[in-house]
Amino acid sequence: MMYVFVDFEMNQIDNSHKEEKNICKNEIIEIGAVKLDDTYTEIDSFKTYVKPVITPVTGRITELTGITNDMVEEAPEFAQAMDMFVEWCKDADIIYAWSENDLRQLNKERKLKDYENSDIITVVGKWHDFQKEYARLLGTKRRIALSDAVFYMGEDFKGAEHDALWDARNTAAVFVLSKDKEKFERIMAPIMDIYKPKTNMTFSLGDIFKNIKIEE
């Protein structure tokens, strides 16, 4: 088995581009990914900036990710960057991202930019939401932030948050722990207890107030 963990950083399309924004609200500006073998060892990594063609990188996104317009100026545009990524990851058996947002973005931006690649459908077909799988392991439907998942492991977040490669690498770390069932349950027991569904209350408001008399 070969596993890929991927993360996209995105830049919001300006409201002045109404037609484009109706199709896709963001443009990918960074792709980061790591590849694990069947022993859950990292064997390769992928990272590229992506030049946005509709809206320059905004100040808010620079503050969040550290990515500036200078950094993406000479970067490949979406089609070339995605070709590179697809070629790199198409041999994976499973592709994971933290949350469904990355796959949704990929599909919408493909539509916006008329992107075609003979392997893209295969890649999309291997895509899984590990945030959802992780929540299921904890026994909850609540969506948990990646930084919180790492914290629950008793670890510090490696690298910088909102750096695509480091987000992918930290997702992989949570995945690796989840594959050691005994260790995962031992470390995560207090967290699993917190997320455990509470017993439903079997009384009604009528039961609470039944002994209260209201004078007419």
N, C-alpha and C. Protein backbone atom coordinates (compact mmCIF):
# COMPACT_ATOMS: atom_id res chain seq x y z
N MET A 1 0.83 -1.20 0.00
CA MET A 1 0.00 0.00 0.00
C MET A 1 0.87 1.25 0.00
N MET A 2 0.41 2.25 -0.71
CA MET A 2 1.07 3.54 -0.70
C MET A 2 0.03 4.61 -0.41
N TYR A 3 0.34 5.46 0.56
CA TYR A 3 -0.59 6.48 1.01
C TYR A 3 -0.04 7.86 0.69
N VAL A 4 -0.93 8.76 0.26
CA VAL A 4 -0.58 10.15 0.05
C VAL A 4 -1.46 11.02 0.94
N PHE A 5 -0.84 11.99 1.57
CA PHE A 5 -1.55 12.97 2.40
C PHE A 5 -1.31 14.34 1.78
N VAL A 6 -2.39 15.06 1.50
CA VAL A 6 -2.26 16.30 0.73
C VAL A 6 -3.01 17.44 1.42
N ASP A 7 -2.53 18.64 1.19
CA ASP A 7 -3.20 19.83 1.70
C ASP A 7 -3.06 20.95 0.67
N PHE A 8 -4.12 21.74 0.51
CA PHE A 8 -4.08 22.92 -0.34
C PHE A 8 -4.22 24.17 0.53
N GLU A 9 -3.46 25.20 0.19
CA GLU A 9 -3.72 26.53 0.72
C GLU A 9 -4.38 27.33 -0.40
N MET A 10 -5.32 28.18 -0.05
CA MET A 10 -6.15 28.83 -1.05
C MET A 10 -6.24 30.33 -0.81
N ASN A 11 -6.55 31.03 -1.89
CA ASN A 11 -6.74 32.48 -1.86
C ASN A 11 -8.14 32.78 -2.38
N GLN A 12 -8.86 33.62 -1.65
CA GLN A 12 -10.24 33.90 -2.02
C GLN A 12 -10.33 34.77 -3.27
N ILE A 13 -11.24 34.41 -4.16
CA ILE A 13 -11.49 35.19 -5.36
C ILE A 13 -12.29 36.43 -4.98
N ASP A 14 -11.88 37.57 -5.51
CA ASP A 14 -12.50 38.84 -5.18
C ASP A 14 -13.96 38.88 -5.65
N ASN A 15 -14.78 39.60 -4.89
CA ASN A 15 -16.21 39.69 -5.21
C ASN A 15 -16.49 40.34 -6.56
N SER A 16 -15.52 41.08 -7.09
CA SER A 16 -15.72 41.73 -8.39
C SER A 16 -15.80 40.71 -9.53
N HIS A 17 -15.30 39.51 -9.29
CA HIS A 17 -15.33 38.44 -10.30
C HIS A 17 -16.53 37.53 -10.01
N LYS A 18 -17.71 38.06 -10.23
CA LYS A 18 -18.93 37.36 -9.82
C LYS A 18 -19.13 36.06 -10.58
N GLU A 19 -18.90 36.06 -11.88
CA GLU A 19 -19.12 34.86 -12.67
C GLU A 19 -18.21 33.73 -12.22
N GLU A 20 -16.92 34.06 -12.03
CA GLU A 20 -15.96 33.05 -11.58
C GLU A 20 -16.30 32.56 -10.18
N LYS A 21 -16.68 33.50 -9.31
CA LYS A 21 -16.93 33.15 -7.92
C LYS A 21 -18.19 32.29 -7.77
N ASN A 22 -19.11 32.39 -8.71
CA ASN A 22 -20.27 31.52 -8.68
C ASN A 22 -19.89 30.06 -8.90
N ILE A 23 -18.76 29.85 -9.56
CA ILE A 23 -18.29 28.49 -9.82
C ILE A 23 -17.36 28.01 -8.71
N CYS A 24 -16.44 28.90 -8.30
CA CYS A 24 -15.40 28.52 -7.33
C CYS A 24 -15.01 29.76 -6.54
N LYS A 25 -15.02 29.67 -5.24
CA LYS A 25 -14.78 30.84 -4.40
C LYS A 25 -13.31 31.13 -4.16
N ASN A 26 -12.43 30.15 -4.45
CA ASN A 26 -11.01 30.29 -4.15
C ASN A 26 -10.15 29.80 -5.30
N GLU A 27 -8.87 30.15 -5.23
CA GLU A 27 -7.85 29.55 -6.09
C GLU A 27 -6.79 28.92 -5.21
N ILE A 28 -6.33 27.73 -5.60
CA ILE A 28 -5.23 27.08 -4.89
C ILE A 28 -3.94 27.87 -5.12
N ILE A 29 -3.22 28.16 -4.04
CA ILE A 29 -1.95 28.87 -4.17
C ILE A 29 -0.77 28.05 -3.64
N GLU A 30 -1.05 26.91 -3.03
CA GLU A 30 0.04 26.03 -2.59
C GLU A 30 -0.49 24.60 -2.49
N ILE A 31 0.31 23.66 -2.95
CA ILE A 31 0.03 22.23 -2.80
C ILE A 31 1.17 21.61 -2.02
N GLY A 32 0.83 20.88 -0.97
CA GLY A 32 1.84 20.16 -0.19
C GLY A 32 1.37 18.74 0.04
N ALA A 33 2.27 17.79 -0.04
CA ALA A 33 1.86 16.39 0.14
C ALA A 33 3.05 15.55 0.57
N VAL A 34 2.74 14.45 1.27
CA VAL A 34 3.76 13.46 1.63
C VAL A 34 3.26 12.09 1.21
N LYS A 35 4.20 11.20 0.95
CA LYS A 35 3.89 9.84 0.52
C LYS A 35 4.45 8.86 1.55
N LEU A 36 3.61 7.93 2.02
CA LEU A 36 4.00 6.92 2.99
C LEU A 36 3.93 5.53 2.35
N ASP A 37 4.87 4.66 2.74
CA ASP A 37 4.82 3.29 2.24
C ASP A 37 3.98 2.42 3.16
N ASP A 38 4.00 1.11 2.96
CA ASP A 38 3.12 0.23 3.74
C ASP A 38 3.59 0.02 5.17
N THR A 39 4.75 0.58 5.52
CA THR A 39 5.18 0.57 6.92
C THR A 39 4.88 1.91 7.58
N TYR A 40 4.17 2.78 6.88
CA TYR A 40 3.80 4.12 7.35
C TYR A 40 5.02 5.03 7.54
N THR A 41 6.01 4.80 6.69
CA THR A 41 7.21 5.62 6.69
C THR A 41 7.15 6.61 5.54
N GLU A 42 7.48 7.87 5.80
CA GLU A 42 7.49 8.86 4.73
C GLU A 42 8.63 8.55 3.76
N ILE A 43 8.28 8.44 2.49
CA ILE A 43 9.29 8.11 1.48
C ILE A 43 9.46 9.21 0.44
N ASP A 44 8.57 10.20 0.42
CA ASP A 44 8.69 11.27 -0.56
C ASP A 44 7.79 12.42 -0.14
N SER A 45 8.07 13.59 -0.68
CA SER A 45 7.23 14.76 -0.41
C SER A 45 7.10 15.60 -1.67
N PHE A 46 6.06 16.43 -1.69
CA PHE A 46 5.77 17.28 -2.85
C PHE A 46 5.34 18.64 -2.33
N LYS A 47 5.87 19.68 -2.96
CA LYS A 47 5.47 21.04 -2.57
C LYS A 47 5.65 21.97 -3.76
N THR A 48 4.62 22.74 -4.04
CA THR A 48 4.75 23.79 -5.04
C THR A 48 3.79 24.92 -4.71
N TYR A 49 4.21 26.14 -4.98
CA TYR A 49 3.29 27.26 -4.96
C TYR A 49 2.54 27.26 -6.29
N VAL A 50 1.39 27.90 -6.31
CA VAL A 50 0.57 27.98 -7.51
C VAL A 50 0.19 29.44 -7.72
N LYS A 51 0.41 29.93 -8.91
CA LYS A 51 0.12 31.34 -9.19
C LYS A 51 -1.37 31.55 -9.44
N PRO A 52 -2.02 32.39 -8.65
CA PRO A 52 -3.44 32.69 -8.91
C PRO A 52 -3.55 33.60 -10.12
N VAL A 53 -4.58 33.40 -10.93
CA VAL A 53 -4.72 34.20 -12.16
C VAL A 53 -5.94 35.12 -12.13
N ILE A 54 -6.74 34.99 -11.08
CA ILE A 54 -7.94 35.83 -10.99
C ILE A 54 -7.78 36.94 -9.96
N THR A 55 -7.31 36.57 -8.77
CA THR A 55 -7.15 37.54 -7.69
C THR A 55 -5.78 37.38 -7.06
N PRO A 56 -4.99 38.45 -6.96
CA PRO A 56 -3.69 38.36 -6.27
C PRO A 56 -3.88 37.92 -4.81
N VAL A 57 -2.83 37.39 -4.24
CA VAL A 57 -2.88 36.94 -2.84
C VAL A 57 -3.22 38.13 -1.95
N THR A 58 -4.24 37.95 -1.14
CA THR A 58 -4.69 39.05 -0.28
C THR A 58 -3.85 39.13 0.98
N GLY A 59 -3.93 40.28 1.63
CA GLY A 59 -3.18 40.47 2.86
C GLY A 59 -3.60 39.51 3.95
N ARG A 60 -4.89 39.18 4.00
CA ARG A 60 -5.38 38.24 5.02
C ARG A 60 -4.79 36.85 4.83
N ILE A 61 -4.67 36.44 3.57
CA ILE A 61 -4.10 35.12 3.29
C ILE A 61 -2.60 35.12 3.55
N THR A 62 -1.93 36.22 3.22
CA THR A 62 -0.50 36.32 3.54
C THR A 62 -0.28 36.20 5.04
N GLU A 63 -1.13 36.89 5.80
CA GLU A 63 -1.01 36.83 7.26
C GLU A 63 -1.24 35.42 7.78
N LEU A 64 -2.18 34.71 7.17
CA LEU A 64 -2.53 33.36 7.62
C LEU A 64 -1.48 32.33 7.22
N THR A 65 -1.00 32.41 5.98
CA THR A 65 -0.15 31.35 5.42
C THR A 65 1.32 31.74 5.26
N GLY A 66 1.60 33.05 5.25
CA GLY A 66 2.96 33.50 4.97
C GLY A 66 3.26 33.59 3.49
N ILE A 67 2.29 33.25 2.64
CA ILE A 67 2.51 33.27 1.19
C ILE A 67 2.24 34.67 0.65
N THR A 68 3.20 35.21 -0.09
CA THR A 68 3.08 36.55 -0.66
C THR A 68 2.97 36.47 -2.17
N ASN A 69 2.60 37.58 -2.78
CA ASN A 69 2.53 37.62 -4.25
C ASN A 69 3.90 37.41 -4.89
N ASP A 70 4.94 37.88 -4.24
CA ASP A 70 6.29 37.65 -4.76
C ASP A 70 6.61 36.16 -4.81
N MET A 71 6.14 35.42 -3.83
CA MET A 71 6.44 33.99 -3.75
C MET A 71 5.74 33.19 -4.85
N VAL A 72 4.60 33.67 -5.32
CA VAL A 72 3.86 32.92 -6.35
C VAL A 72 4.06 33.50 -7.75
N GLU A 73 4.78 34.58 -7.85
CA GLU A 73 4.92 35.27 -9.15
C GLU A 73 5.47 34.36 -10.23
N GLU A 74 6.50 33.57 -9.90
CA GLU A 74 7.12 32.69 -10.89
C GLU A 74 6.63 31.25 -10.76
N ALA A 75 5.61 31.03 -9.95
CA ALA A 75 5.10 29.67 -9.74
C ALA A 75 4.26 29.22 -10.93
N PRO A 76 4.11 27.91 -11.12
CA PRO A 76 3.24 27.42 -12.19
C PRO A 76 1.79 27.79 -11.91
N GLU A 77 1.02 27.96 -12.96
CA GLU A 77 -0.40 28.18 -12.79
C GLU A 77 -1.10 26.84 -12.52
N PHE A 78 -2.40 26.90 -12.27
CA PHE A 78 -3.14 25.74 -11.77
C PHE A 78 -2.93 24.48 -12.61
N ALA A 79 -3.09 24.59 -13.92
CA ALA A 79 -3.03 23.39 -14.77
C ALA A 79 -1.67 22.70 -14.69
N GLN A 80 -0.61 23.50 -14.77
CA GLN A 80 0.73 22.91 -14.73
C GLN A 80 1.03 22.33 -13.35
N ALA A 81 0.66 23.07 -12.31
CA ALA A 81 0.90 22.58 -10.95
C ALA A 81 0.12 21.30 -10.68
N MET A 82 -1.11 21.24 -11.16
CA MET A 82 -1.91 20.05 -10.92
C MET A 82 -1.40 18.87 -11.74
N ASP A 83 -0.92 19.13 -12.94
CA ASP A 83 -0.29 18.06 -13.73
C ASP A 83 0.88 17.45 -12.96
N MET A 84 1.69 18.31 -12.36
CA MET A 84 2.85 17.85 -11.59
C MET A 84 2.40 17.00 -10.41
N PHE A 85 1.38 17.47 -9.71
CA PHE A 85 0.90 16.75 -8.54
C PHE A 85 0.28 15.41 -8.93
N VAL A 86 -0.55 15.41 -9.96
CA VAL A 86 -1.20 14.18 -10.40
C VAL A 86 -0.16 13.13 -10.81
N GLU A 87 0.86 13.56 -11.53
CA GLU A 87 1.92 12.64 -11.94
C GLU A 87 2.63 12.06 -10.72
N TRP A 88 2.81 12.89 -9.71
CA TRP A 88 3.52 12.47 -8.50
C TRP A 88 2.70 11.49 -7.67
N CYS A 89 1.37 11.65 -7.63
CA CYS A 89 0.56 10.87 -6.68
C CYS A 89 -0.29 9.80 -7.32
N LYS A 90 -0.29 9.67 -8.63
CA LYS A 90 -1.24 8.76 -9.28
C LYS A 90 -1.00 7.29 -8.94
N ASP A 91 0.20 6.95 -8.45
CA ASP A 91 0.47 5.56 -8.09
C ASP A 91 0.05 5.23 -6.66
N ALA A 92 -0.50 6.21 -5.93
CA ALA A 92 -0.95 5.97 -4.56
C ALA A 92 -2.18 5.07 -4.56
N ASP A 93 -2.32 4.29 -3.48
CA ASP A 93 -3.52 3.48 -3.31
C ASP A 93 -4.65 4.28 -2.67
N ILE A 94 -4.29 5.15 -1.74
CA ILE A 94 -5.26 6.00 -1.05
C ILE A 94 -4.69 7.40 -0.92
N ILE A 95 -5.53 8.40 -1.13
CA ILE A 95 -5.13 9.80 -0.95
C ILE A 95 -6.01 10.38 0.15
N TYR A 96 -5.36 10.92 1.16
CA TYR A 96 -6.08 11.51 2.29
C TYR A 96 -5.86 13.02 2.35
N ALA A 97 -6.91 13.74 2.75
CA ALA A 97 -6.78 15.15 3.11
C ALA A 97 -7.55 15.33 4.41
N TRP A 98 -7.19 16.39 5.14
CA TRP A 98 -7.90 16.68 6.39
C TRP A 98 -9.10 17.56 6.05
N SER A 99 -10.27 16.98 6.01
CA SER A 99 -11.55 17.59 5.69
C SER A 99 -11.87 17.39 4.21
N GLU A 100 -13.11 17.66 3.88
CA GLU A 100 -13.58 17.51 2.51
C GLU A 100 -13.32 18.75 1.66
N ASN A 101 -12.81 19.82 2.28
CA ASN A 101 -12.66 21.09 1.58
C ASN A 101 -11.68 21.02 0.42
N ASP A 102 -10.61 20.24 0.56
CA ASP A 102 -9.59 20.20 -0.49
C ASP A 102 -10.13 19.55 -1.76
N LEU A 103 -10.84 18.45 -1.61
CA LEU A 103 -11.40 17.79 -2.79
C LEU A 103 -12.48 18.66 -3.42
N ARG A 104 -13.30 19.30 -2.60
CA ARG A 104 -14.31 20.20 -3.14
C ARG A 104 -13.66 21.33 -3.94
N GLN A 105 -12.57 21.89 -3.38
CA GLN A 105 -11.86 22.95 -4.09
C GLN A 105 -11.29 22.46 -5.41
N LEU A 106 -10.68 21.29 -5.40
CA LEU A 106 -10.10 20.73 -6.61
C LEU A 106 -11.16 20.57 -7.70
N ASN A 107 -12.29 20.01 -7.34
CA ASN A 107 -13.34 19.78 -8.33
C ASN A 107 -13.92 21.08 -8.88
N LYS A 108 -14.09 22.07 -8.01
CA LYS A 108 -14.64 23.34 -8.47
C LYS A 108 -13.64 24.11 -9.32
N GLU A 109 -12.35 24.08 -8.93
CA GLU A 109 -11.36 24.80 -9.71
C GLU A 109 -11.10 24.11 -11.04
N ARG A 110 -11.20 22.80 -11.07
CA ARG A 110 -11.12 22.08 -12.35
C ARG A 110 -12.20 22.58 -13.30
N LYS A 111 -13.40 22.75 -12.78
CA LYS A 111 -14.51 23.22 -13.60
C LYS A 111 -14.27 24.66 -14.04
N LEU A 112 -13.85 25.50 -13.11
CA LEU A 112 -13.64 26.91 -13.42
C LEU A 112 -12.60 27.09 -14.52
N LYS A 113 -11.54 26.30 -14.47
CA LYS A 113 -10.41 26.50 -15.38
C LYS A 113 -10.33 25.45 -16.49
N ASP A 114 -11.43 24.71 -16.66
CA ASP A 114 -11.51 23.71 -17.74
C ASP A 114 -10.29 22.78 -17.74
N TYR A 115 -9.96 22.33 -16.55
CA TYR A 115 -8.77 21.48 -16.42
C TYR A 115 -9.08 20.05 -16.81
N GLU A 116 -8.24 19.49 -17.65
CA GLU A 116 -8.38 18.10 -18.06
C GLU A 116 -7.04 17.40 -17.91
N ASN A 117 -7.11 16.16 -17.43
CA ASN A 117 -5.94 15.32 -17.29
C ASN A 117 -6.44 13.88 -17.29
N SER A 118 -5.80 13.03 -18.06
CA SER A 118 -6.30 11.66 -18.21
C SER A 118 -6.30 10.88 -16.89
N ASP A 119 -5.51 11.34 -15.90
CA ASP A 119 -5.41 10.61 -14.63
C ASP A 119 -6.19 11.26 -13.50
N ILE A 120 -6.80 12.42 -13.75
CA ILE A 120 -7.41 13.16 -12.64
C ILE A 120 -8.59 12.41 -12.03
N ILE A 121 -9.39 11.73 -12.85
CA ILE A 121 -10.54 11.00 -12.32
C ILE A 121 -10.07 9.86 -11.42
N THR A 122 -8.98 9.20 -11.82
CA THR A 122 -8.41 8.14 -10.99
C THR A 122 -7.95 8.68 -9.65
N VAL A 123 -7.28 9.82 -9.69
CA VAL A 123 -6.80 10.45 -8.45
C VAL A 123 -7.97 10.83 -7.55
N VAL A 124 -8.97 11.47 -8.11
CA VAL A 124 -10.15 11.89 -7.33
C VAL A 124 -10.85 10.67 -6.73
N GLY A 125 -10.87 9.57 -7.46
CA GLY A 125 -11.52 8.36 -6.98
C GLY A 125 -10.83 7.72 -5.78
N LYS A 126 -9.57 8.07 -5.55
CA LYS A 126 -8.81 7.51 -4.41
C LYS A 126 -8.88 8.41 -3.18
N TRP A 127 -9.58 9.53 -3.30
CA TRP A 127 -9.55 10.58 -2.28
C TRP A 127 -10.44 10.22 -1.10
N HIS A 128 -9.93 10.44 0.13
CA HIS A 128 -10.69 10.19 1.35
C HIS A 128 -10.51 11.36 2.32
N ASP A 129 -11.54 11.58 3.12
CA ASP A 129 -11.53 12.63 4.14
C ASP A 129 -11.07 12.01 5.45
N PHE A 130 -9.82 12.25 5.84
CA PHE A 130 -9.33 11.62 7.07
C PHE A 130 -9.87 12.31 8.32
N GLN A 131 -10.25 13.57 8.22
CA GLN A 131 -10.89 14.23 9.36
C GLN A 131 -12.16 13.47 9.77
N LYS A 132 -12.92 13.05 8.79
CA LYS A 132 -14.16 12.30 9.06
C LYS A 132 -13.84 10.93 9.65
N GLU A 133 -12.83 10.25 9.11
CA GLU A 133 -12.45 8.94 9.65
C GLU A 133 -11.94 9.06 11.08
N TYR A 134 -11.18 10.11 11.35
CA TYR A 134 -10.64 10.34 12.69
C TYR A 134 -11.77 10.58 13.69
N ALA A 135 -12.75 11.39 13.29
CA ALA A 135 -13.88 11.65 14.17
C ALA A 135 -14.63 10.36 14.48
N ARG A 136 -14.76 9.50 13.48
CA ARG A 136 -15.45 8.22 13.70
C ARG A 136 -14.68 7.36 14.70
N LEU A 137 -13.35 7.39 14.65
CA LEU A 137 -12.55 6.64 15.62
C LEU A 137 -12.78 7.13 17.04
N LEU A 138 -13.04 8.43 17.18
CA LEU A 138 -13.30 8.99 18.50
C LEU A 138 -14.75 8.80 18.93
N GLY A 139 -15.59 8.33 18.02
CA GLY A 139 -16.99 8.11 18.34
C GLY A 139 -17.82 9.36 18.31
N THR A 140 -17.46 10.30 17.42
CA THR A 140 -18.19 11.56 17.33
C THR A 140 -18.42 11.92 15.87
N LYS A 141 -19.41 12.76 15.62
CA LYS A 141 -19.63 13.31 14.29
C LYS A 141 -19.06 14.72 14.18
N ARG A 142 -18.54 15.21 15.28
CA ARG A 142 -17.99 16.55 15.31
C ARG A 142 -16.70 16.63 14.49
N ARG A 143 -16.56 17.68 13.70
CA ARG A 143 -15.34 17.88 12.91
C ARG A 143 -14.28 18.53 13.80
N ILE A 144 -13.11 17.95 13.84
CA ILE A 144 -12.05 18.37 14.76
C ILE A 144 -10.92 19.00 13.96
N ALA A 145 -10.40 20.12 14.43
CA ALA A 145 -9.31 20.80 13.75
C ALA A 145 -8.05 19.94 13.80
N LEU A 146 -7.24 20.05 12.74
CA LEU A 146 -5.99 19.28 12.69
C LEU A 146 -5.10 19.60 13.87
N SER A 147 -4.98 20.87 14.21
CA SER A 147 -4.11 21.25 15.33
C SER A 147 -4.58 20.61 16.63
N ASP A 148 -5.90 20.48 16.81
CA ASP A 148 -6.44 19.83 18.00
C ASP A 148 -6.13 18.33 17.99
N ALA A 149 -6.25 17.71 16.82
CA ALA A 149 -5.97 16.28 16.70
C ALA A 149 -4.51 15.99 17.08
N VAL A 150 -3.60 16.85 16.65
CA VAL A 150 -2.19 16.68 17.00
C VAL A 150 -2.00 16.88 18.51
N PHE A 151 -2.66 17.89 19.05
CA PHE A 151 -2.58 18.17 20.49
C PHE A 151 -3.09 16.99 21.31
N TYR A 152 -4.18 16.37 20.87
CA TYR A 152 -4.73 15.21 21.57
C TYR A 152 -3.74 14.05 21.63
N MET A 153 -2.84 13.99 20.63
CA MET A 153 -1.81 12.96 20.62
C MET A 153 -0.74 13.20 21.67
N GLY A 154 -0.76 14.39 22.27
CA GLY A 154 0.29 14.77 23.21
C GLY A 154 1.53 15.28 22.51
N GLU A 155 1.36 15.73 21.26
CA GLU A 155 2.48 16.21 20.46
C GLU A 155 2.31 17.69 20.13
N ASP A 156 3.42 18.32 19.80
CA ASP A 156 3.38 19.68 19.26
C ASP A 156 3.20 19.60 17.75
N PHE A 157 2.50 20.58 17.20
CA PHE A 157 2.33 20.65 15.75
C PHE A 157 3.70 20.86 15.12
N LYS A 158 4.08 19.98 14.21
CA LYS A 158 5.38 20.09 13.55
C LYS A 158 5.32 21.12 12.42
N GLY A 159 6.30 22.02 12.38
CA GLY A 159 6.32 23.03 11.33
C GLY A 159 5.29 24.11 11.60
N ALA A 160 4.89 24.80 10.53
CA ALA A 160 3.96 25.91 10.64
C ALA A 160 2.56 25.49 10.19
N GLU A 161 1.55 25.88 10.97
CA GLU A 161 0.18 25.66 10.53
C GLU A 161 -0.09 26.49 9.28
N HIS A 162 -0.94 25.98 8.40
CA HIS A 162 -1.30 26.63 7.14
C HIS A 162 -0.12 26.72 6.18
N ASP A 163 0.86 25.87 6.40
CA ASP A 163 1.86 25.56 5.39
C ASP A 163 1.42 24.21 4.82
N ALA A 164 1.18 24.15 3.51
CA ALA A 164 0.54 22.96 2.93
C ALA A 164 1.32 21.68 3.21
N LEU A 165 2.65 21.72 3.09
CA LEU A 165 3.44 20.52 3.31
C LEU A 165 3.37 20.09 4.77
N TRP A 166 3.48 21.03 5.69
CA TRP A 166 3.45 20.67 7.11
C TRP A 166 2.06 20.23 7.55
N ASP A 167 1.01 20.82 7.00
CA ASP A 167 -0.34 20.34 7.30
C ASP A 167 -0.51 18.90 6.83
N ALA A 168 0.00 18.60 5.65
CA ALA A 168 -0.07 17.23 5.13
C ALA A 168 0.73 16.28 6.02
N ARG A 169 1.89 16.70 6.44
CA ARG A 169 2.77 15.85 7.26
C ARG A 169 2.16 15.59 8.63
N ASN A 170 1.52 16.60 9.22
CA ASN A 170 0.87 16.40 10.51
C ASN A 170 -0.37 15.52 10.39
N THR A 171 -1.09 15.62 9.27
CA THR A 171 -2.20 14.71 9.02
C THR A 171 -1.70 13.28 8.98
N ALA A 172 -0.58 13.07 8.31
CA ALA A 172 0.01 11.74 8.23
C ALA A 172 0.39 11.22 9.61
N ALA A 173 0.87 12.10 10.48
CA ALA A 173 1.25 11.68 11.83
C ALA A 173 0.05 11.18 12.62
N VAL A 174 -1.08 11.87 12.48
CA VAL A 174 -2.30 11.43 13.17
C VAL A 174 -2.76 10.09 12.60
N PHE A 175 -2.66 9.93 11.29
CA PHE A 175 -3.01 8.67 10.64
C PHE A 175 -2.15 7.52 11.16
N VAL A 176 -0.85 7.73 11.26
CA VAL A 176 0.06 6.67 11.71
C VAL A 176 -0.32 6.23 13.12
N LEU A 177 -0.62 7.17 14.00
CA LEU A 177 -1.03 6.80 15.35
C LEU A 177 -2.32 5.98 15.31
N SER A 178 -3.24 6.35 14.44
CA SER A 178 -4.53 5.64 14.38
C SER A 178 -4.37 4.19 13.97
N LYS A 179 -3.27 3.86 13.30
CA LYS A 179 -3.06 2.50 12.83
C LYS A 179 -2.51 1.58 13.92
N ASP A 180 -2.05 2.15 15.02
CA ASP A 180 -1.64 1.37 16.19
C ASP A 180 -2.80 1.40 17.17
N LYS A 181 -3.72 0.43 17.04
CA LYS A 181 -4.98 0.48 17.78
C LYS A 181 -4.78 0.56 19.28
N GLU A 182 -3.88 -0.26 19.82
CA GLU A 182 -3.66 -0.28 21.27
C GLU A 182 -3.13 1.07 21.75
N LYS A 183 -2.13 1.60 21.06
CA LYS A 183 -1.54 2.88 21.45
C LYS A 183 -2.55 4.01 21.28
N PHE A 184 -3.28 3.97 20.17
CA PHE A 184 -4.27 5.01 19.90
C PHE A 184 -5.32 5.05 21.01
N GLU A 185 -5.85 3.89 21.38
CA GLU A 185 -6.89 3.85 22.40
C GLU A 185 -6.36 4.27 23.76
N ARG A 186 -5.10 3.92 24.05
CA ARG A 186 -4.51 4.30 25.33
C ARG A 186 -4.31 5.81 25.42
N ILE A 187 -3.75 6.39 24.37
CA ILE A 187 -3.49 7.83 24.37
C ILE A 187 -4.78 8.63 24.28
N MET A 188 -5.71 8.15 23.46
CA MET A 188 -6.90 8.92 23.17
C MET A 188 -8.07 8.63 24.11
N ALA A 189 -7.90 7.71 25.07
CA ALA A 189 -9.01 7.34 25.96
C ALA A 189 -9.67 8.54 26.62
N PRO A 190 -8.91 9.49 27.20
CA PRO A 190 -9.58 10.64 27.83
C PRO A 190 -10.36 11.48 26.82
N ILE A 191 -9.83 11.59 25.60
CA ILE A 191 -10.52 12.38 24.56
C ILE A 191 -11.76 11.65 24.09
N MET A 192 -11.65 10.33 23.92
CA MET A 192 -12.80 9.54 23.49
C MET A 192 -13.91 9.60 24.52
N ASP A 193 -13.55 9.68 25.79
CA ASP A 193 -14.55 9.79 26.85
C ASP A 193 -15.29 11.11 26.77
N ILE A 194 -14.55 12.17 26.43
CA ILE A 194 -15.17 13.50 26.31
C ILE A 194 -16.20 13.51 25.18
N TYR A 195 -15.83 12.88 24.06
CA TYR A 195 -16.70 12.89 22.89
C TYR A 195 -17.77 11.81 22.93
N LYS A 196 -17.72 10.95 23.94
CA LYS A 196 -18.71 9.87 24.04
C LYS A 196 -20.10 10.48 24.19
N PRO A 197 -21.08 9.98 23.42
CA PRO A 197 -22.44 10.52 23.54
C PRO A 197 -22.96 10.40 24.96
N LYS A 198 -23.54 11.48 25.44
CA LYS A 198 -24.09 11.47 26.80
C LYS A 198 -25.46 10.82 26.81
N THR A 199 -25.83 10.25 27.94
CA THR A 199 -27.13 9.61 28.08
C THR A 199 -28.23 10.62 27.86
N ASN A 200 -29.18 10.29 27.03
CA ASN A 200 -30.30 11.19 26.78
C ASN A 200 -31.15 11.37 28.03
N MET A 201 -31.57 12.60 28.28
CA MET A 201 -32.46 12.86 29.40
C MET A 201 -33.85 12.31 29.06
N THR A 202 -34.46 11.63 30.02
CA THR A 202 -35.74 10.98 29.75
C THR A 202 -36.91 11.74 30.35
N PHE A 203 -36.65 12.94 30.87
CA PHE A 203 -37.75 13.72 31.44
C PHE A 203 -38.03 14.91 30.54
N SER A 204 -39.23 15.46 30.69
CA SER A 204 -39.66 16.58 29.86
C SER A 204 -39.75 17.84 30.70
N LEU A 205 -39.99 18.96 30.04
CA LEU A 205 -40.20 20.21 30.77
C LEU A 205 -41.44 20.10 31.67
N GLY A 206 -42.41 19.32 31.21
CA GLY A 206 -43.60 19.12 32.04
C GLY A 206 -43.28 18.44 33.35
N ASP A 207 -42.34 17.48 33.31
CA ASP A 207 -41.90 16.81 34.53
C ASP A 207 -41.23 17.78 35.49
N ILE A 208 -40.43 18.69 34.91
CA ILE A 208 -39.67 19.63 35.75
C ILE A 208 -40.61 20.57 36.49
N PHE A 209 -41.66 21.04 35.78
CA PHE A 209 -42.53 22.08 36.34
C PHE A 209 -43.86 21.56 36.89
N LYS A 210 -44.00 20.22 36.98
CA LYS A 210 -45.31 19.66 37.34
C LYS A 210 -45.74 20.02 38.76
N ASN A 211 -44.77 20.30 39.64
CA ASN A 211 -45.13 20.61 41.03
C ASN A 211 -45.25 22.10 41.31
N ILE A 212 -45.06 22.89 40.25
CA ILE A 212 -45.19 24.33 40.42
C ILE A 212 -46.63 24.75 40.16
N LYS A 213 -47.26 25.41 41.14
CA LYS A 213 -48.63 25.86 40.98
C LYS A 213 -48.66 27.35 40.64
N ILE A 214 -49.43 27.66 39.66
CA ILE A 214 -49.56 29.06 39.23
C ILE A 214 -50.93 29.56 39.65
N GLU A 215 -50.92 30.59 40.47
CA GLU A 215 -52.18 31.13 40.93
C GLU A 215 -52.86 31.93 39.84
N GLU A 216 -54.14 31.77 39.72
CA GLU A 216 -54.92 32.51 38.72
C GLU A 216 -55.41 33.81 39.30
